[in-house]
């Protein structure tokens, strides 16, 4: 699920906008949407291969994920037309 705006709550935890939430088991997909929230829900069979995620990056190996993070920090990705502000790579949550 991608939270575009608003928030969703699950088991007492509130998740804010611009978050991607992943459930590996459909029985874990119980949540409450706050008023005015917009979310996108995606589903389907899991990939056969393991996936690694960090922020906006998804890769088939930790090495590819680390390489993408490094490229982002060096600002080596193509610039999106009209965008002028660089968004730093978020620190990992402890």
N, C-alpha and C. Protein backbone atom coordinates (compact mmCIF):
# COMPACT_ATOMS: atom_id res chain seq x y z
N UNK A 1 0.85 -1.16 0.00
CA UNK A 1 0.00 0.00 0.00
C UNK A 1 0.90 1.24 0.00
N UNK A 2 0.53 2.22 -0.81
CA UNK A 2 1.23 3.50 -0.82
C UNK A 2 0.28 4.55 -0.27
N UNK A 3 0.72 5.29 0.74
CA UNK A 3 -0.10 6.35 1.34
C UNK A 3 0.25 7.66 0.64
N UNK A 4 -0.66 8.14 -0.19
CA UNK A 4 -0.43 9.38 -0.91
C UNK A 4 -0.66 10.58 0.01
N UNK A 5 -1.79 10.59 0.70
CA UNK A 5 -2.10 11.69 1.62
C UNK A 5 -2.93 11.17 2.77
N UNK A 6 -2.91 11.90 3.88
CA UNK A 6 -3.63 11.46 5.06
C UNK A 6 -2.77 10.49 5.85
N UNK A 7 -3.40 9.50 6.45
CA UNK A 7 -2.68 8.53 7.27
C UNK A 7 -3.53 7.28 7.43
N UNK A 8 -2.87 6.18 7.72
CA UNK A 8 -3.57 4.95 8.08
C UNK A 8 -3.00 4.48 9.42
N UNK A 9 -3.82 3.73 10.13
CA UNK A 9 -3.42 3.23 11.44
C UNK A 9 -3.60 1.73 11.49
N UNK A 10 -2.62 1.06 12.07
CA UNK A 10 -2.68 -0.39 12.22
C UNK A 10 -2.02 -0.77 13.54
N UNK A 11 -2.74 -1.50 14.36
CA UNK A 11 -2.24 -1.95 15.66
C UNK A 11 -1.64 -0.82 16.49
N UNK A 12 -2.29 0.36 16.46
CA UNK A 12 -1.85 1.48 17.27
C UNK A 12 -0.73 2.31 16.67
N UNK A 13 -0.22 1.92 15.50
CA UNK A 13 0.84 2.69 14.83
C UNK A 13 0.22 3.49 13.69
N UNK A 14 0.54 4.78 13.64
CA UNK A 14 0.04 5.66 12.58
C UNK A 14 1.12 5.81 11.52
N UNK A 15 0.74 5.59 10.28
CA UNK A 15 1.67 5.71 9.15
C UNK A 15 1.25 6.93 8.34
N UNK A 16 2.20 7.83 8.12
CA UNK A 16 1.97 9.11 7.46
C UNK A 16 2.11 9.00 5.95
N UNK A 17 1.84 10.10 5.22
CA UNK A 17 1.95 10.09 3.75
C UNK A 17 3.35 9.77 3.26
N UNK A 18 3.39 9.34 2.00
CA UNK A 18 4.63 9.00 1.29
C UNK A 18 5.33 7.79 1.90
N UNK A 19 4.54 6.86 2.40
CA UNK A 19 5.06 5.62 2.97
C UNK A 19 4.55 4.46 2.14
N UNK A 20 5.38 3.46 2.01
CA UNK A 20 4.98 2.20 1.39
C UNK A 20 4.94 1.16 2.49
N UNK A 21 3.82 0.49 2.61
CA UNK A 21 3.66 -0.57 3.60
C UNK A 21 3.51 -1.90 2.88
N UNK A 22 4.18 -2.92 3.39
CA UNK A 22 4.16 -4.23 2.76
C UNK A 22 3.73 -5.27 3.78
N UNK A 23 2.79 -6.10 3.40
CA UNK A 23 2.36 -7.22 4.23
C UNK A 23 2.65 -8.51 3.48
N UNK A 24 3.34 -9.41 4.13
CA UNK A 24 3.66 -10.69 3.49
C UNK A 24 2.53 -11.70 3.62
N UNK A 25 1.54 -11.37 4.42
CA UNK A 25 0.42 -12.27 4.68
C UNK A 25 -0.86 -11.44 4.62
N UNK A 26 -1.82 -11.86 3.83
CA UNK A 26 -3.04 -11.06 3.65
C UNK A 26 -3.83 -10.89 4.94
N UNK A 27 -3.62 -11.76 5.93
CA UNK A 27 -4.33 -11.59 7.20
C UNK A 27 -3.77 -10.40 7.98
N UNK A 28 -2.64 -9.86 7.58
CA UNK A 28 -2.05 -8.70 8.26
C UNK A 28 -2.51 -7.39 7.65
N UNK A 29 -3.46 -7.43 6.73
CA UNK A 29 -3.88 -6.23 6.00
C UNK A 29 -5.09 -5.56 6.62
N UNK A 30 -5.12 -5.43 7.92
CA UNK A 30 -6.22 -4.75 8.60
C UNK A 30 -5.72 -3.38 9.05
N UNK A 31 -6.43 -2.32 8.64
CA UNK A 31 -6.00 -0.97 8.99
C UNK A 31 -7.20 -0.04 8.98
N UNK A 32 -7.04 1.13 9.59
CA UNK A 32 -8.05 2.17 9.60
C UNK A 32 -7.50 3.37 8.86
N UNK A 33 -8.27 3.89 7.91
CA UNK A 33 -7.86 5.09 7.19
C UNK A 33 -8.37 6.31 7.94
N UNK A 34 -7.50 7.30 8.11
CA UNK A 34 -7.93 8.57 8.69
C UNK A 34 -8.74 9.34 7.65
N UNK A 35 -9.57 10.24 8.10
CA UNK A 35 -10.41 11.04 7.20
C UNK A 35 -9.54 11.79 6.20
N UNK A 36 -9.98 11.83 4.95
CA UNK A 36 -9.26 12.57 3.92
C UNK A 36 -8.04 11.86 3.37
N UNK A 37 -7.88 10.59 3.66
CA UNK A 37 -6.70 9.84 3.20
C UNK A 37 -6.91 9.28 1.80
N UNK A 38 -5.83 9.21 1.06
CA UNK A 38 -5.82 8.56 -0.25
C UNK A 38 -4.70 7.54 -0.24
N UNK A 39 -5.03 6.29 -0.53
CA UNK A 39 -4.02 5.23 -0.57
C UNK A 39 -4.17 4.44 -1.86
N UNK A 40 -3.08 3.85 -2.29
CA UNK A 40 -3.08 2.94 -3.43
C UNK A 40 -2.72 1.56 -2.91
N UNK A 41 -3.53 0.58 -3.25
CA UNK A 41 -3.29 -0.78 -2.78
C UNK A 41 -2.94 -1.65 -3.97
N UNK A 42 -1.83 -2.34 -3.86
CA UNK A 42 -1.35 -3.25 -4.90
C UNK A 42 -1.30 -4.64 -4.30
N UNK A 43 -1.56 -5.64 -5.11
CA UNK A 43 -1.50 -6.99 -4.58
C UNK A 43 -1.17 -8.00 -5.66
N UNK A 44 -0.99 -9.21 -5.22
CA UNK A 44 -0.69 -10.29 -6.15
C UNK A 44 0.20 -11.32 -5.50
N UNK A 45 0.56 -12.29 -6.29
CA UNK A 45 1.46 -13.34 -5.81
C UNK A 45 2.85 -12.76 -5.56
N UNK A 46 3.52 -13.24 -4.52
CA UNK A 46 4.89 -12.77 -4.25
C UNK A 46 5.83 -13.14 -5.40
N UNK A 47 6.87 -12.33 -5.59
CA UNK A 47 7.90 -12.66 -6.57
C UNK A 47 8.60 -13.94 -6.14
N UNK A 48 9.05 -14.71 -7.11
CA UNK A 48 9.78 -15.94 -6.80
C UNK A 48 11.14 -15.62 -6.17
N UNK A 49 11.75 -14.52 -6.61
CA UNK A 49 13.05 -14.13 -6.07
C UNK A 49 12.86 -13.16 -4.91
N UNK A 50 13.82 -13.14 -4.01
CA UNK A 50 13.78 -12.21 -2.90
C UNK A 50 13.97 -10.77 -3.40
N UNK A 51 13.29 -9.83 -2.78
CA UNK A 51 13.42 -8.42 -3.11
C UNK A 51 13.93 -7.68 -1.88
N UNK A 52 14.73 -6.66 -2.12
CA UNK A 52 15.27 -5.83 -1.06
C UNK A 52 14.76 -4.42 -1.28
N UNK A 53 14.31 -3.76 -0.20
CA UNK A 53 13.75 -2.42 -0.33
C UNK A 53 14.45 -1.46 0.62
N UNK A 54 14.61 -0.24 0.14
CA UNK A 54 15.08 0.86 0.96
C UNK A 54 14.53 2.13 0.35
N UNK A 55 13.70 2.84 1.07
CA UNK A 55 13.10 4.10 0.62
C UNK A 55 12.39 3.87 -0.70
N UNK A 56 12.82 4.52 -1.81
CA UNK A 56 12.17 4.39 -3.11
C UNK A 56 12.81 3.31 -3.99
N UNK A 57 13.74 2.57 -3.44
CA UNK A 57 14.48 1.60 -4.24
C UNK A 57 14.06 0.18 -3.93
N UNK A 58 13.90 -0.63 -4.99
CA UNK A 58 13.62 -2.06 -4.86
C UNK A 58 14.61 -2.76 -5.77
N UNK A 59 15.28 -3.80 -5.25
CA UNK A 59 16.29 -4.49 -6.05
C UNK A 59 16.27 -5.99 -5.77
N UNK A 60 16.91 -6.73 -6.65
CA UNK A 60 16.99 -8.18 -6.50
C UNK A 60 18.21 -8.61 -5.67
N UNK A 61 19.08 -7.65 -5.32
CA UNK A 61 20.22 -7.98 -4.46
C UNK A 61 20.58 -6.76 -3.61
N UNK A 62 21.22 -7.01 -2.50
CA UNK A 62 21.66 -5.91 -1.63
C UNK A 62 22.70 -5.06 -2.34
N UNK A 63 23.52 -5.69 -3.18
CA UNK A 63 24.54 -4.96 -3.91
C UNK A 63 23.91 -3.93 -4.86
N UNK A 64 22.88 -4.36 -5.58
CA UNK A 64 22.19 -3.42 -6.49
C UNK A 64 21.51 -2.31 -5.70
N UNK A 65 20.95 -2.65 -4.56
CA UNK A 65 20.31 -1.66 -3.71
C UNK A 65 21.33 -0.64 -3.20
N UNK A 66 22.47 -1.14 -2.72
CA UNK A 66 23.53 -0.25 -2.24
C UNK A 66 24.07 0.64 -3.36
N UNK A 67 24.18 0.09 -4.56
CA UNK A 67 24.66 0.87 -5.71
C UNK A 67 23.67 2.00 -6.04
N UNK A 68 22.36 1.70 -5.96
CA UNK A 68 21.35 2.73 -6.23
C UNK A 68 21.41 3.83 -5.17
N UNK A 69 21.58 3.44 -3.91
CA UNK A 69 21.68 4.43 -2.84
C UNK A 69 22.89 5.33 -3.07
N UNK A 70 24.00 4.76 -3.46
CA UNK A 70 25.22 5.54 -3.71
C UNK A 70 25.02 6.49 -4.90
N UNK A 71 24.41 5.99 -5.98
CA UNK A 71 24.13 6.85 -7.14
C UNK A 71 23.22 8.01 -6.76
N UNK A 72 22.22 7.74 -5.89
CA UNK A 72 21.32 8.80 -5.47
C UNK A 72 22.09 9.87 -4.69
N UNK A 73 22.93 9.43 -3.76
CA UNK A 73 23.68 10.38 -2.94
C UNK A 73 24.62 11.23 -3.80
N UNK A 74 25.14 10.66 -4.88
CA UNK A 74 26.02 11.39 -5.79
C UNK A 74 25.23 12.19 -6.83
N UNK A 75 23.88 12.12 -6.74
CA UNK A 75 22.97 12.81 -7.65
C UNK A 75 23.24 12.43 -9.11
N UNK A 76 23.40 11.13 -9.36
CA UNK A 76 23.68 10.62 -10.70
C UNK A 76 22.44 10.17 -11.46
N UNK A 77 21.26 10.27 -10.84
CA UNK A 77 20.03 9.92 -11.55
C UNK A 77 19.61 11.09 -12.43
N UNK A 78 18.91 10.84 -13.53
CA UNK A 78 18.44 11.93 -14.39
C UNK A 78 17.55 12.89 -13.60
N UNK A 79 17.68 14.17 -13.90
CA UNK A 79 16.86 15.19 -13.24
C UNK A 79 15.46 15.17 -13.85
N UNK A 80 14.46 15.29 -13.01
CA UNK A 80 13.07 15.33 -13.47
C UNK A 80 12.75 16.78 -13.82
N UNK A 81 12.22 16.97 -15.01
CA UNK A 81 11.91 18.32 -15.49
C UNK A 81 11.00 19.04 -14.51
N UNK A 82 11.38 20.26 -14.17
CA UNK A 82 10.59 21.07 -13.24
C UNK A 82 10.98 20.90 -11.78
N UNK A 83 11.75 19.86 -11.46
CA UNK A 83 12.18 19.64 -10.08
C UNK A 83 13.50 20.37 -9.86
N UNK A 84 13.60 21.15 -8.79
CA UNK A 84 14.82 21.89 -8.52
C UNK A 84 15.45 21.52 -7.18
N UNK A 85 14.69 20.84 -6.33
CA UNK A 85 15.18 20.53 -4.99
C UNK A 85 15.66 19.08 -4.92
N UNK A 86 16.84 18.86 -4.36
CA UNK A 86 17.35 17.51 -4.16
C UNK A 86 16.81 16.98 -2.83
N UNK A 87 16.27 15.77 -2.85
CA UNK A 87 15.76 15.12 -1.64
C UNK A 87 16.85 14.16 -1.17
N UNK A 88 17.43 14.42 0.02
CA UNK A 88 18.50 13.54 0.50
C UNK A 88 17.98 12.14 0.82
N UNK A 89 18.86 11.17 0.71
CA UNK A 89 18.53 9.79 1.06
C UNK A 89 18.21 9.73 2.55
N UNK A 90 17.05 9.22 2.94
CA UNK A 90 16.71 9.17 4.37
C UNK A 90 17.64 8.23 5.13
N UNK A 91 17.90 8.56 6.37
CA UNK A 91 18.68 7.68 7.23
C UNK A 91 17.85 6.46 7.58
N UNK A 92 18.49 5.31 7.77
CA UNK A 92 17.73 4.12 8.14
C UNK A 92 17.09 4.30 9.52
N UNK A 93 15.91 3.74 9.67
CA UNK A 93 15.22 3.80 10.97
C UNK A 93 15.86 2.77 11.89
N UNK A 94 16.09 3.19 13.13
CA UNK A 94 16.74 2.30 14.10
C UNK A 94 15.74 1.49 14.85
